[in-house]
N, C-alpha and C. Protein backbone atom coordinates (compact mmCIF):
# COMPACT_ATOMS: atom_id res chain seq x y z
N MET A 1 101.23 65.36 -85.88
CA MET A 1 101.63 64.69 -87.12
C MET A 1 100.61 65.02 -88.21
N SER A 2 101.07 65.53 -89.32
CA SER A 2 100.15 65.92 -90.40
C SER A 2 99.52 64.69 -91.04
N ARG A 3 98.36 64.93 -91.66
CA ARG A 3 97.65 63.83 -92.33
C ARG A 3 98.49 63.23 -93.44
N LEU A 4 99.20 64.09 -94.20
CA LEU A 4 100.04 63.61 -95.30
C LEU A 4 101.15 62.72 -94.78
N PHE A 5 101.76 63.10 -93.63
CA PHE A 5 102.84 62.30 -93.07
C PHE A 5 102.32 60.94 -92.60
N LYS A 6 101.12 60.93 -92.01
CA LYS A 6 100.52 59.66 -91.57
C LYS A 6 100.31 58.72 -92.75
N ILE A 7 99.80 59.28 -93.85
CA ILE A 7 99.57 58.46 -95.05
C ILE A 7 100.89 57.89 -95.56
N LEU A 8 101.95 58.71 -95.54
CA LEU A 8 103.26 58.26 -96.00
C LEU A 8 103.77 57.11 -95.13
N VAL A 9 103.60 57.24 -93.81
CA VAL A 9 104.04 56.19 -92.89
C VAL A 9 103.31 54.89 -93.16
N VAL A 10 101.98 54.96 -93.36
CA VAL A 10 101.19 53.76 -93.65
C VAL A 10 101.64 53.11 -94.95
N CYS A 11 101.86 53.92 -95.97
CA CYS A 11 102.30 53.38 -97.27
C CYS A 11 103.64 52.69 -97.17
N LEU A 12 104.57 53.28 -96.43
CA LEU A 12 105.88 52.66 -96.25
C LEU A 12 105.77 51.36 -95.48
N ALA A 13 104.90 51.32 -94.47
CA ALA A 13 104.72 50.10 -93.68
C ALA A 13 104.20 48.97 -94.55
N ILE A 14 103.22 49.30 -95.41
CA ILE A 14 102.67 48.30 -96.33
C ILE A 14 103.74 47.82 -97.30
N LEU A 15 104.51 48.77 -97.85
CA LEU A 15 105.54 48.43 -98.82
C LEU A 15 106.58 47.51 -98.23
N PHE A 16 107.10 47.86 -97.03
CA PHE A 16 108.14 47.04 -96.43
C PHE A 16 107.59 45.71 -95.94
N GLY A 17 106.33 45.68 -95.51
CA GLY A 17 105.72 44.42 -95.12
C GLY A 17 105.59 43.49 -96.29
N PHE A 18 105.17 44.04 -97.44
CA PHE A 18 105.06 43.22 -98.65
C PHE A 18 106.41 42.68 -99.08
N ALA A 19 107.44 43.52 -99.01
CA ALA A 19 108.78 43.09 -99.42
C ALA A 19 109.29 41.99 -98.52
N SER A 20 108.97 42.05 -97.22
CA SER A 20 109.49 41.03 -96.31
C SER A 20 108.88 39.67 -96.57
N VAL A 21 107.62 39.67 -97.06
CA VAL A 21 106.97 38.40 -97.38
C VAL A 21 107.53 37.80 -98.66
N TRP A 22 107.69 38.63 -99.68
CA TRP A 22 107.97 38.11 -101.00
C TRP A 22 109.45 38.07 -101.36
N HIS A 23 110.31 38.47 -100.47
CA HIS A 23 111.74 38.44 -100.77
C HIS A 23 112.17 37.02 -101.17
N GLY A 24 112.85 36.90 -102.28
CA GLY A 24 113.34 35.59 -102.71
C GLY A 24 112.37 34.85 -103.60
N SER A 25 111.16 35.38 -103.82
CA SER A 25 110.18 34.62 -104.57
C SER A 25 110.53 34.47 -106.04
N SER A 26 111.43 35.30 -106.55
CA SER A 26 111.81 35.20 -107.95
C SER A 26 112.71 34.01 -108.23
N GLY A 27 113.31 33.45 -107.18
CA GLY A 27 114.19 32.31 -107.36
C GLY A 27 115.57 32.69 -107.86
N GLU A 28 115.88 33.99 -107.90
CA GLU A 28 117.21 34.39 -108.35
C GLU A 28 118.28 33.98 -107.35
N GLU A 29 117.91 33.89 -106.07
CA GLU A 29 118.81 33.35 -105.05
C GLU A 29 118.50 31.87 -104.86
N ASP A 30 119.49 31.10 -104.43
CA ASP A 30 119.19 29.70 -104.12
C ASP A 30 118.36 29.65 -102.85
N LEU A 31 117.71 28.51 -102.62
CA LEU A 31 116.77 28.41 -101.51
C LEU A 31 117.41 28.66 -100.15
N PRO A 32 118.55 28.03 -99.81
CA PRO A 32 119.14 28.29 -98.48
C PRO A 32 119.46 29.77 -98.25
N THR A 33 119.90 30.47 -99.29
CA THR A 33 120.20 31.89 -99.15
C THR A 33 118.92 32.71 -99.01
N ALA A 34 117.92 32.41 -99.85
CA ALA A 34 116.68 33.18 -99.83
C ALA A 34 115.94 33.04 -98.51
N VAL A 35 115.91 31.82 -97.95
CA VAL A 35 115.11 31.59 -96.74
C VAL A 35 115.72 32.29 -95.52
N ASP A 36 116.97 32.70 -95.63
CA ASP A 36 117.59 33.46 -94.53
C ASP A 36 116.86 34.78 -94.28
N SER A 37 116.08 35.24 -95.25
CA SER A 37 115.35 36.50 -95.08
C SER A 37 114.09 36.33 -94.25
N ALA A 38 113.64 35.09 -94.05
CA ALA A 38 112.42 34.85 -93.29
C ALA A 38 112.66 35.13 -91.81
N VAL A 39 111.77 35.89 -91.20
CA VAL A 39 111.90 36.25 -89.79
C VAL A 39 110.85 35.49 -88.99
N PHE A 40 111.31 34.64 -88.08
CA PHE A 40 110.42 33.84 -87.24
C PHE A 40 110.32 34.44 -85.84
N HIS A 41 109.21 34.19 -85.18
CA HIS A 41 108.99 34.73 -83.85
C HIS A 41 108.76 33.61 -82.84
N LYS A 42 109.29 33.80 -81.67
CA LYS A 42 109.19 32.82 -80.60
C LYS A 42 107.74 32.55 -80.24
N ASP A 43 107.47 31.32 -79.82
CA ASP A 43 106.15 30.88 -79.39
C ASP A 43 105.12 30.97 -80.50
N ASN A 44 105.56 30.62 -81.71
CA ASN A 44 104.66 30.56 -82.85
C ASN A 44 104.84 29.25 -83.61
N VAL A 45 103.83 28.95 -84.43
CA VAL A 45 103.81 27.71 -85.20
C VAL A 45 103.69 28.05 -86.68
N TYR A 46 104.43 27.31 -87.50
CA TYR A 46 104.50 27.59 -88.93
C TYR A 46 104.21 26.32 -89.73
N LEU A 47 103.69 26.50 -90.93
CA LEU A 47 103.50 25.40 -91.87
C LEU A 47 104.34 25.69 -93.10
N LEU A 48 105.07 24.68 -93.57
CA LEU A 48 106.00 24.84 -94.68
C LEU A 48 105.59 23.93 -95.83
N LEU A 49 105.33 24.52 -96.98
CA LEU A 49 105.04 23.77 -98.20
C LEU A 49 106.30 23.75 -99.06
N ARG A 50 106.78 22.54 -99.37
CA ARG A 50 108.02 22.39 -100.13
C ARG A 50 107.76 21.58 -101.39
N GLY A 51 108.39 21.98 -102.49
CA GLY A 51 108.27 21.24 -103.73
C GLY A 51 109.62 20.77 -104.20
N SER A 52 109.65 19.64 -104.89
CA SER A 52 110.90 19.12 -105.42
C SER A 52 110.68 18.56 -106.81
N GLN A 53 111.77 18.44 -107.55
CA GLN A 53 111.71 17.92 -108.91
C GLN A 53 112.05 16.43 -108.96
N THR A 54 112.00 15.77 -107.81
CA THR A 54 112.27 14.34 -107.77
C THR A 54 111.08 13.56 -108.33
N LYS A 55 111.28 12.28 -108.58
CA LYS A 55 110.20 11.42 -109.08
C LYS A 55 109.07 11.36 -108.05
N MET A 56 109.41 11.24 -106.76
CA MET A 56 108.40 11.18 -105.72
C MET A 56 107.65 12.51 -105.61
N GLY A 57 108.38 13.64 -105.81
CA GLY A 57 107.74 14.94 -105.78
C GLY A 57 106.71 15.08 -106.89
N GLY A 58 107.05 14.61 -108.09
CA GLY A 58 106.12 14.65 -109.21
C GLY A 58 104.90 13.79 -108.96
N TYR A 59 105.11 12.63 -108.36
CA TYR A 59 104.01 11.73 -108.01
C TYR A 59 103.07 12.42 -107.02
N ALA A 60 103.64 13.03 -105.98
CA ALA A 60 102.83 13.67 -104.94
C ALA A 60 102.03 14.85 -105.48
N ARG A 61 102.62 15.62 -106.41
CA ARG A 61 101.92 16.79 -106.94
C ARG A 61 100.64 16.43 -107.68
N GLU A 62 100.56 15.22 -108.19
CA GLU A 62 99.34 14.79 -108.88
C GLU A 62 98.15 14.73 -107.93
N TYR A 63 98.43 14.73 -106.62
CA TYR A 63 97.36 14.64 -105.64
C TYR A 63 97.10 15.98 -104.94
N ASN A 64 97.71 17.05 -105.45
CA ASN A 64 97.38 18.38 -104.95
C ASN A 64 95.95 18.74 -105.32
N ARG A 65 95.35 19.56 -104.48
CA ARG A 65 94.00 20.03 -104.77
C ARG A 65 94.02 21.34 -105.54
N TYR A 66 95.03 22.16 -105.30
CA TYR A 66 95.05 23.50 -105.85
C TYR A 66 96.16 23.70 -106.88
N GLY A 67 96.79 22.62 -107.31
CA GLY A 67 97.86 22.73 -108.29
C GLY A 67 99.12 23.28 -107.64
N GLY A 68 100.00 23.86 -108.45
CA GLY A 68 101.22 24.43 -107.90
C GLY A 68 102.33 23.41 -107.76
N LEU A 69 103.45 23.87 -107.21
CA LEU A 69 104.67 23.06 -107.16
C LEU A 69 104.86 22.31 -105.85
N ALA A 70 104.09 22.63 -104.83
CA ALA A 70 104.27 21.98 -103.53
C ALA A 70 103.97 20.49 -103.61
N SER A 71 104.79 19.70 -102.93
CA SER A 71 104.56 18.25 -102.90
C SER A 71 104.73 17.67 -101.49
N HIS A 72 105.00 18.55 -100.52
CA HIS A 72 105.27 18.07 -99.16
C HIS A 72 104.92 19.19 -98.18
N ILE A 73 104.44 18.81 -96.98
CA ILE A 73 104.13 19.80 -95.96
C ILE A 73 104.77 19.40 -94.64
N ALA A 74 105.27 20.40 -93.92
CA ALA A 74 105.93 20.16 -92.64
C ALA A 74 105.45 21.20 -91.63
N LEU A 75 105.73 20.92 -90.37
CA LEU A 75 105.34 21.78 -89.26
C LEU A 75 106.58 22.40 -88.63
N GLY A 76 106.56 23.70 -88.40
CA GLY A 76 107.64 24.38 -87.71
C GLY A 76 107.16 24.92 -86.38
N VAL A 77 107.88 24.64 -85.31
CA VAL A 77 107.51 25.13 -83.98
C VAL A 77 108.69 25.93 -83.42
N TYR A 78 108.41 27.17 -83.05
CA TYR A 78 109.44 28.01 -82.46
C TYR A 78 109.12 28.20 -80.98
N SER A 79 109.86 27.49 -80.12
CA SER A 79 109.78 27.73 -78.68
C SER A 79 111.10 28.36 -78.27
N ASP A 80 112.11 27.54 -77.98
CA ASP A 80 113.45 28.08 -77.72
C ASP A 80 114.22 28.32 -79.02
N SER A 81 113.90 27.52 -80.03
CA SER A 81 114.49 27.67 -81.36
C SER A 81 113.51 27.06 -82.35
N LEU A 82 113.73 27.29 -83.64
CA LEU A 82 112.83 26.75 -84.66
C LEU A 82 113.19 25.31 -84.96
N ARG A 83 112.22 24.42 -84.79
CA ARG A 83 112.40 23.01 -85.13
C ARG A 83 111.34 22.62 -86.16
N ILE A 84 111.75 21.85 -87.15
CA ILE A 84 110.85 21.39 -88.20
C ILE A 84 110.50 19.92 -87.94
N TYR A 85 109.20 19.62 -87.97
CA TYR A 85 108.70 18.26 -87.74
C TYR A 85 107.92 17.83 -88.98
N HIS A 86 108.23 16.65 -89.48
CA HIS A 86 107.48 16.16 -90.64
C HIS A 86 107.67 14.66 -90.81
N VAL A 87 106.86 14.11 -91.70
CA VAL A 87 106.91 12.68 -92.04
C VAL A 87 107.27 12.57 -93.50
N ASN A 88 108.29 11.75 -93.80
CA ASN A 88 108.59 11.50 -95.21
C ASN A 88 108.80 10.02 -95.44
N THR A 89 109.33 9.66 -96.60
CA THR A 89 109.39 8.25 -97.00
C THR A 89 110.61 7.51 -96.47
N ARG A 90 111.37 8.11 -95.58
CA ARG A 90 112.54 7.44 -95.02
C ARG A 90 112.11 6.14 -94.33
N LYS A 91 112.77 5.03 -94.62
CA LYS A 91 112.33 3.73 -94.15
C LYS A 91 112.58 3.50 -92.66
N SER A 92 113.74 3.90 -92.17
CA SER A 92 114.10 3.56 -90.79
C SER A 92 113.20 4.26 -89.78
N ASN A 93 112.96 5.54 -89.96
CA ASN A 93 112.07 6.30 -89.08
C ASN A 93 111.53 7.48 -89.86
N PRO A 94 110.28 7.41 -90.35
CA PRO A 94 109.77 8.45 -91.23
C PRO A 94 109.46 9.76 -90.51
N MET A 95 109.40 9.77 -89.18
CA MET A 95 109.14 11.01 -88.46
C MET A 95 110.46 11.72 -88.19
N ILE A 96 110.58 12.91 -88.74
CA ILE A 96 111.86 13.62 -88.73
C ILE A 96 111.74 14.92 -87.93
N THR A 97 112.77 15.19 -87.13
CA THR A 97 112.92 16.46 -86.44
C THR A 97 114.24 17.06 -86.89
N GLU A 98 114.21 18.29 -87.41
CA GLU A 98 115.44 18.88 -87.94
C GLU A 98 115.36 20.40 -87.92
N SER A 99 116.47 21.03 -88.24
CA SER A 99 116.52 22.49 -88.34
C SER A 99 115.98 22.93 -89.70
N LEU A 100 115.69 24.22 -89.82
CA LEU A 100 115.25 24.76 -91.11
C LEU A 100 116.36 24.59 -92.16
N THR A 101 117.60 24.81 -91.77
CA THR A 101 118.72 24.66 -92.71
C THR A 101 118.75 23.26 -93.29
N SER A 102 118.59 22.26 -92.42
CA SER A 102 118.57 20.87 -92.89
C SER A 102 117.38 20.62 -93.80
N PHE A 103 116.24 21.19 -93.46
CA PHE A 103 115.01 20.97 -94.23
C PHE A 103 115.13 21.50 -95.66
N VAL A 104 115.87 22.58 -95.85
CA VAL A 104 115.96 23.18 -97.20
C VAL A 104 117.22 22.77 -97.96
N THR A 105 118.08 21.96 -97.33
CA THR A 105 119.31 21.55 -98.02
C THR A 105 119.46 20.05 -98.19
N ALA A 106 118.54 19.25 -97.62
CA ALA A 106 118.67 17.80 -97.70
C ALA A 106 118.77 17.32 -99.15
N GLU A 107 117.96 17.89 -100.02
CA GLU A 107 118.03 17.59 -101.45
C GLU A 107 118.06 18.92 -102.21
N GLU A 108 118.97 19.77 -101.80
CA GLU A 108 118.97 21.18 -102.23
C GLU A 108 118.80 21.37 -103.73
N LYS A 109 119.52 20.62 -104.52
CA LYS A 109 119.51 20.85 -105.97
C LYS A 109 118.19 20.45 -106.62
N SER A 110 117.35 19.69 -105.90
CA SER A 110 116.08 19.26 -106.50
C SER A 110 114.90 20.13 -106.08
N TYR A 111 115.05 20.98 -105.05
CA TYR A 111 113.93 21.77 -104.58
C TYR A 111 113.61 22.92 -105.54
N ASN A 112 112.34 23.10 -105.81
CA ASN A 112 111.92 24.18 -106.71
C ASN A 112 110.85 25.09 -106.11
N TYR A 113 110.47 24.85 -104.85
CA TYR A 113 109.44 25.68 -104.24
C TYR A 113 109.48 25.58 -102.73
N LEU A 114 109.23 26.71 -102.06
CA LEU A 114 109.02 26.73 -100.61
C LEU A 114 108.15 27.92 -100.24
N SER A 115 107.13 27.66 -99.45
CA SER A 115 106.38 28.76 -98.84
C SER A 115 106.24 28.45 -97.35
N ILE A 116 106.22 29.51 -96.54
CA ILE A 116 106.13 29.38 -95.10
C ILE A 116 104.97 30.22 -94.61
N TRP A 117 104.11 29.61 -93.82
CA TRP A 117 102.89 30.26 -93.34
C TRP A 117 102.85 30.21 -91.81
N LYS A 118 102.51 31.34 -91.19
CA LYS A 118 102.38 31.38 -89.73
C LYS A 118 100.93 31.12 -89.34
N LEU A 119 100.73 30.21 -88.39
CA LEU A 119 99.39 29.89 -87.91
C LEU A 119 98.90 31.00 -86.99
N LYS A 120 97.73 31.55 -87.27
CA LYS A 120 97.17 32.63 -86.47
C LYS A 120 96.64 32.11 -85.12
N GLY A 121 96.55 33.01 -84.15
CA GLY A 121 95.87 32.71 -82.89
C GLY A 121 96.62 31.79 -81.96
N MET A 122 97.94 31.73 -82.06
CA MET A 122 98.70 30.84 -81.18
C MET A 122 98.72 31.41 -79.75
N THR A 123 98.57 30.51 -78.77
CA THR A 123 98.63 30.86 -77.36
C THR A 123 99.57 29.89 -76.65
N PRO A 124 100.04 30.22 -75.45
CA PRO A 124 100.92 29.29 -74.71
C PRO A 124 100.27 27.92 -74.49
N ASN A 125 98.98 27.89 -74.18
CA ASN A 125 98.30 26.61 -73.96
C ASN A 125 98.23 25.78 -75.24
N LYS A 126 97.95 26.44 -76.37
CA LYS A 126 97.93 25.73 -77.65
C LYS A 126 99.31 25.20 -78.00
N LEU A 127 100.32 26.01 -77.76
CA LEU A 127 101.69 25.59 -78.06
C LEU A 127 102.08 24.37 -77.23
N ASP A 128 101.69 24.36 -75.95
CA ASP A 128 101.96 23.20 -75.09
C ASP A 128 101.25 21.95 -75.61
N SER A 129 100.00 22.11 -76.06
CA SER A 129 99.23 20.97 -76.58
C SER A 129 99.86 20.42 -77.85
N ILE A 130 100.37 21.31 -78.69
CA ILE A 130 101.03 20.88 -79.92
C ILE A 130 102.29 20.10 -79.61
N GLN A 131 103.07 20.58 -78.66
CA GLN A 131 104.31 19.88 -78.32
C GLN A 131 104.03 18.52 -77.70
N VAL A 132 102.98 18.42 -76.90
CA VAL A 132 102.58 17.12 -76.32
C VAL A 132 102.20 16.15 -77.43
N ALA A 133 101.43 16.62 -78.42
CA ALA A 133 101.01 15.77 -79.54
C ALA A 133 102.21 15.31 -80.36
N ILE A 134 103.17 16.21 -80.59
CA ILE A 134 104.38 15.84 -81.33
C ILE A 134 105.15 14.76 -80.58
N ASP A 135 105.35 14.97 -79.28
CA ASP A 135 106.11 14.01 -78.48
C ASP A 135 105.42 12.66 -78.43
N ARG A 136 104.09 12.66 -78.38
CA ARG A 136 103.35 11.41 -78.34
C ARG A 136 103.57 10.61 -79.63
N LEU A 137 103.50 11.28 -80.77
CA LEU A 137 103.70 10.59 -82.04
C LEU A 137 105.14 10.12 -82.20
N LEU A 138 106.09 10.92 -81.71
CA LEU A 138 107.49 10.51 -81.79
C LEU A 138 107.76 9.23 -81.01
N GLY A 139 106.91 8.94 -80.03
CA GLY A 139 107.08 7.73 -79.23
C GLY A 139 106.39 6.51 -79.80
N GLN A 140 105.77 6.66 -80.97
CA GLN A 140 105.05 5.54 -81.58
C GLN A 140 105.81 4.99 -82.80
N PRO A 141 105.68 3.69 -83.06
CA PRO A 141 106.34 3.08 -84.23
C PRO A 141 105.54 3.32 -85.51
N ILE A 142 105.71 4.48 -86.09
CA ILE A 142 104.93 4.88 -87.27
C ILE A 142 105.71 4.60 -88.55
N LYS A 143 104.98 4.13 -89.58
CA LYS A 143 105.55 3.97 -90.92
C LYS A 143 104.88 4.96 -91.86
N PHE A 144 105.57 5.26 -92.96
CA PHE A 144 104.99 6.18 -93.94
C PHE A 144 103.84 5.49 -94.66
N ASP A 145 102.76 6.23 -94.85
CA ASP A 145 101.55 5.69 -95.48
C ASP A 145 101.56 5.99 -96.98
N TYR A 146 102.01 5.04 -97.76
CA TYR A 146 102.07 5.21 -99.21
C TYR A 146 100.69 5.12 -99.87
N LYS A 147 99.68 4.64 -99.13
CA LYS A 147 98.37 4.41 -99.72
C LYS A 147 97.31 5.39 -99.22
N PHE A 148 97.73 6.42 -98.49
CA PHE A 148 96.80 7.45 -98.02
C PHE A 148 95.62 6.85 -97.26
N ASN A 149 95.91 5.86 -96.42
CA ASN A 149 94.87 5.17 -95.68
C ASN A 149 94.73 5.78 -94.29
N SER A 150 93.78 6.68 -94.13
CA SER A 150 93.61 7.40 -92.87
C SER A 150 93.07 6.51 -91.75
N ASN A 151 92.62 5.31 -92.09
CA ASN A 151 92.09 4.40 -91.07
C ASN A 151 93.17 3.56 -90.39
N ASP A 152 94.38 3.60 -90.91
CA ASP A 152 95.48 2.82 -90.34
C ASP A 152 96.23 3.69 -89.34
N GLU A 153 96.12 3.37 -88.06
CA GLU A 153 96.73 4.18 -87.00
C GLU A 153 98.25 4.05 -86.95
N ASN A 154 98.79 3.05 -87.63
CA ASN A 154 100.24 2.81 -87.58
C ASN A 154 100.99 3.44 -88.76
N THR A 155 100.26 4.09 -89.64
CA THR A 155 100.89 4.74 -90.78
C THR A 155 100.40 6.18 -90.90
N LEU A 156 101.27 7.05 -91.41
CA LEU A 156 100.92 8.45 -91.61
C LEU A 156 101.56 8.96 -92.90
N TYR A 157 100.86 9.84 -93.61
CA TYR A 157 101.48 10.60 -94.69
C TYR A 157 101.63 12.04 -94.23
N CYS A 158 102.33 12.86 -94.99
CA CYS A 158 102.79 14.16 -94.47
C CYS A 158 101.68 15.05 -93.95
N SER A 159 100.61 15.23 -94.72
CA SER A 159 99.54 16.12 -94.29
C SER A 159 98.70 15.52 -93.18
N GLU A 160 98.58 14.20 -93.16
CA GLU A 160 97.85 13.53 -92.09
C GLU A 160 98.58 13.73 -90.75
N TYR A 161 99.89 13.72 -90.79
CA TYR A 161 100.70 13.99 -89.60
C TYR A 161 100.40 15.39 -89.05
N ILE A 162 100.28 16.36 -89.93
CA ILE A 162 99.95 17.72 -89.53
C ILE A 162 98.58 17.76 -88.88
N GLN A 163 97.63 17.04 -89.47
CA GLN A 163 96.28 17.02 -88.92
C GLN A 163 96.25 16.43 -87.51
N LYS A 164 96.96 15.35 -87.30
CA LYS A 164 96.98 14.70 -85.98
C LYS A 164 97.44 15.67 -84.91
N ILE A 165 98.35 16.55 -85.26
CA ILE A 165 98.93 17.48 -84.28
C ILE A 165 98.10 18.75 -84.12
N LEU A 166 97.60 19.31 -85.23
CA LEU A 166 96.99 20.63 -85.18
C LEU A 166 95.46 20.65 -85.10
N GLN A 167 94.80 19.57 -85.49
CA GLN A 167 93.32 19.57 -85.49
C GLN A 167 92.72 20.00 -84.15
N PRO A 168 93.22 19.50 -83.00
CA PRO A 168 92.59 19.88 -81.73
C PRO A 168 92.71 21.37 -81.40
N VAL A 169 93.78 22.03 -81.85
CA VAL A 169 94.00 23.43 -81.47
C VAL A 169 93.60 24.41 -82.58
N SER A 170 93.48 23.93 -83.81
CA SER A 170 93.14 24.81 -84.93
C SER A 170 92.19 24.10 -85.90
N PRO A 171 90.96 23.79 -85.45
CA PRO A 171 90.04 23.03 -86.32
C PRO A 171 89.68 23.76 -87.61
N GLY A 172 89.70 25.11 -87.57
CA GLY A 172 89.34 25.86 -88.77
C GLY A 172 90.28 25.62 -89.94
N LEU A 173 91.51 25.23 -89.63
CA LEU A 173 92.50 24.97 -90.68
C LEU A 173 92.11 23.77 -91.53
N PHE A 174 91.27 22.90 -90.97
CA PHE A 174 90.92 21.65 -91.65
C PHE A 174 89.48 21.65 -92.16
N ARG A 175 88.83 22.80 -92.16
CA ARG A 175 87.46 22.90 -92.63
C ARG A 175 87.38 22.55 -94.11
N ASP A 176 86.62 21.53 -94.43
CA ASP A 176 86.45 21.07 -95.82
C ASP A 176 87.79 20.78 -96.50
N ALA A 177 88.77 20.33 -95.72
CA ALA A 177 90.12 20.13 -96.26
C ALA A 177 90.29 18.79 -96.94
N PHE A 178 89.53 17.77 -96.51
CA PHE A 178 89.67 16.46 -97.16
C PHE A 178 89.08 16.52 -98.56
N PHE A 179 89.65 15.74 -99.44
CA PHE A 179 89.36 15.84 -100.87
C PHE A 179 89.20 14.43 -101.44
N THR A 180 88.25 14.28 -102.35
CA THR A 180 88.05 13.00 -103.03
C THR A 180 88.50 13.14 -104.47
N LYS A 181 89.36 12.22 -104.89
CA LYS A 181 89.96 12.31 -106.23
C LYS A 181 89.91 10.96 -106.92
N GLU A 182 89.66 10.99 -108.20
CA GLU A 182 89.77 9.78 -109.00
C GLU A 182 91.24 9.46 -109.20
N VAL A 183 91.62 8.25 -108.87
CA VAL A 183 93.02 7.85 -108.95
C VAL A 183 93.43 7.66 -110.41
N PRO A 184 94.55 8.26 -110.83
CA PRO A 184 95.03 8.02 -112.20
C PRO A 184 95.17 6.52 -112.48
N LYS A 185 94.85 6.10 -113.69
CA LYS A 185 94.84 4.67 -114.02
C LYS A 185 96.17 3.99 -113.72
N GLY A 186 97.26 4.71 -113.96
CA GLY A 186 98.57 4.12 -113.72
C GLY A 186 98.89 3.88 -112.26
N HIS A 187 98.10 4.46 -111.34
CA HIS A 187 98.36 4.31 -109.91
C HIS A 187 97.43 3.31 -109.23
N ARG A 188 96.40 2.86 -109.96
CA ARG A 188 95.35 2.06 -109.32
C ARG A 188 95.83 0.69 -108.87
N PHE A 189 96.74 0.10 -109.60
CA PHE A 189 97.24 -1.23 -109.21
C PHE A 189 97.93 -1.14 -107.85
N TYR A 190 98.70 -0.09 -107.65
CA TYR A 190 99.44 0.05 -106.40
C TYR A 190 98.52 0.48 -105.27
N LEU A 191 97.64 1.46 -105.50
CA LEU A 191 96.80 2.00 -104.44
C LEU A 191 95.59 1.12 -104.15
N LYS A 192 95.27 0.19 -105.07
CA LYS A 192 94.17 -0.76 -104.88
C LYS A 192 92.82 -0.07 -104.73
N THR A 193 92.63 1.04 -105.41
CA THR A 193 91.36 1.75 -105.36
C THR A 193 91.22 2.65 -106.58
N ASP A 194 89.98 2.97 -106.93
CA ASP A 194 89.73 3.89 -108.05
C ASP A 194 89.62 5.32 -107.58
N THR A 195 89.27 5.53 -106.30
CA THR A 195 89.15 6.88 -105.75
C THR A 195 89.80 6.93 -104.37
N LEU A 196 90.25 8.12 -104.01
CA LEU A 196 90.85 8.34 -102.70
C LEU A 196 90.14 9.50 -102.01
N HIS A 197 89.95 9.35 -100.70
CA HIS A 197 89.47 10.45 -99.86
C HIS A 197 90.61 10.74 -98.90
N TYR A 198 91.23 11.90 -99.02
CA TYR A 198 92.50 12.13 -98.34
C TYR A 198 92.70 13.62 -98.09
N LEU A 199 93.78 13.95 -97.38
CA LEU A 199 94.14 15.33 -97.07
C LEU A 199 95.33 15.70 -97.95
N PRO A 200 95.13 16.54 -98.97
CA PRO A 200 96.24 16.88 -99.87
C PRO A 200 97.36 17.64 -99.15
N ALA A 201 98.57 17.56 -99.68
CA ALA A 201 99.69 18.29 -99.09
C ALA A 201 99.43 19.79 -99.09
N ASP A 202 98.68 20.29 -100.08
CA ASP A 202 98.43 21.73 -100.19
C ASP A 202 97.08 22.14 -99.59
N PHE A 203 96.54 21.33 -98.66
CA PHE A 203 95.21 21.60 -98.12
C PHE A 203 95.10 22.98 -97.47
N ILE A 204 96.20 23.51 -96.94
CA ILE A 204 96.13 24.79 -96.23
C ILE A 204 95.74 25.95 -97.15
N LEU A 205 95.93 25.79 -98.45
CA LEU A 205 95.60 26.86 -99.39
C LEU A 205 94.10 27.10 -99.50
N GLY A 206 93.32 26.17 -98.99
CA GLY A 206 91.88 26.34 -98.99
C GLY A 206 91.36 27.08 -97.76
N ASN A 207 92.24 27.29 -96.77
CA ASN A 207 91.85 27.98 -95.55
C ASN A 207 92.91 29.00 -95.17
N LYS A 208 93.26 29.84 -96.12
CA LYS A 208 94.32 30.83 -95.89
C LYS A 208 93.96 31.84 -94.81
N GLN A 209 92.68 31.98 -94.51
CA GLN A 209 92.28 32.94 -93.48
C GLN A 209 92.81 32.55 -92.10
N GLU A 210 93.25 31.30 -91.96
CA GLU A 210 93.81 30.83 -90.69
C GLU A 210 95.31 31.09 -90.60
N LEU A 211 95.89 31.65 -91.67
CA LEU A 211 97.34 31.74 -91.78
C LEU A 211 97.78 33.11 -92.27
N ASP A 212 99.04 33.43 -92.02
CA ASP A 212 99.70 34.59 -92.61
C ASP A 212 100.90 34.09 -93.42
N LEU A 213 101.00 34.53 -94.67
CA LEU A 213 102.14 34.15 -95.51
C LEU A 213 103.38 34.90 -95.05
N LEU A 214 104.42 34.14 -94.73
CA LEU A 214 105.67 34.73 -94.25
C LEU A 214 106.72 34.81 -95.35
N PHE A 215 106.77 33.79 -96.19
CA PHE A 215 107.87 33.68 -97.16
C PHE A 215 107.41 32.80 -98.31
N GLU A 216 107.87 33.12 -99.53
CA GLU A 216 107.61 32.25 -100.68
C GLU A 216 108.77 32.36 -101.65
N TRP A 217 109.18 31.21 -102.16
CA TRP A 217 110.30 31.14 -103.10
C TRP A 217 109.99 30.10 -104.15
N GLU A 218 110.33 30.43 -105.39
CA GLU A 218 110.17 29.48 -106.49
C GLU A 218 111.42 29.51 -107.35
N LEU A 219 111.91 28.36 -107.73
CA LEU A 219 113.11 28.27 -108.54
C LEU A 219 112.92 28.99 -109.86
N ALA A 220 113.86 29.85 -110.19
CA ALA A 220 113.79 30.56 -111.47
C ALA A 220 114.00 29.57 -112.61
N GLU A 221 113.36 29.84 -113.73
CA GLU A 221 113.52 28.98 -114.92
C GLU A 221 114.97 29.04 -115.39
N GLN A 222 115.49 27.87 -115.74
CA GLN A 222 116.89 27.79 -116.19
C GLN A 222 117.01 28.18 -117.66
């Protein structure tokens, strides 16, 4: 194989790899259509950052560390099939297990952002530990934590749920991830504090070396 041909092969591999990650990022396709381009692999774990234009989404974005449109984080586990696990504000049972299709269409018209990241270094033993942690939490009477109180074992917010499951198998993902923020004056009456020490929904953006970006989509401007 000539040197020139080898260089051409490498360039094409890089080009097609880049295209596979960024397909749909322009938002010209709707989210359910765009996410069909994402290719998942068995026995892997994924993190999904989702943004919405709802009132709650806008509230949550104020607590991002790195800005951007994401307001929620979920966990994807591919064993026999891809299942999405996350905690949201649903009153009856905030811990949700659903398909990717359900995750991107529940409030389809309000979503304006989605990125999907694959967790590096997954092994069968780590995957088993993650599934055990998920099942353990599913068996507990958990409520959504509106006050970001990490000391309350009976409540969880979205990123805290991720930490409970992944910290034992991927500690590097949480390195310096907690953040201290001055609470906006309009929120202090409800949160009962002037400052919060918490895990932002977008905490993974501070430790990207632990992840590979698989897919990103942003709603095109109307």
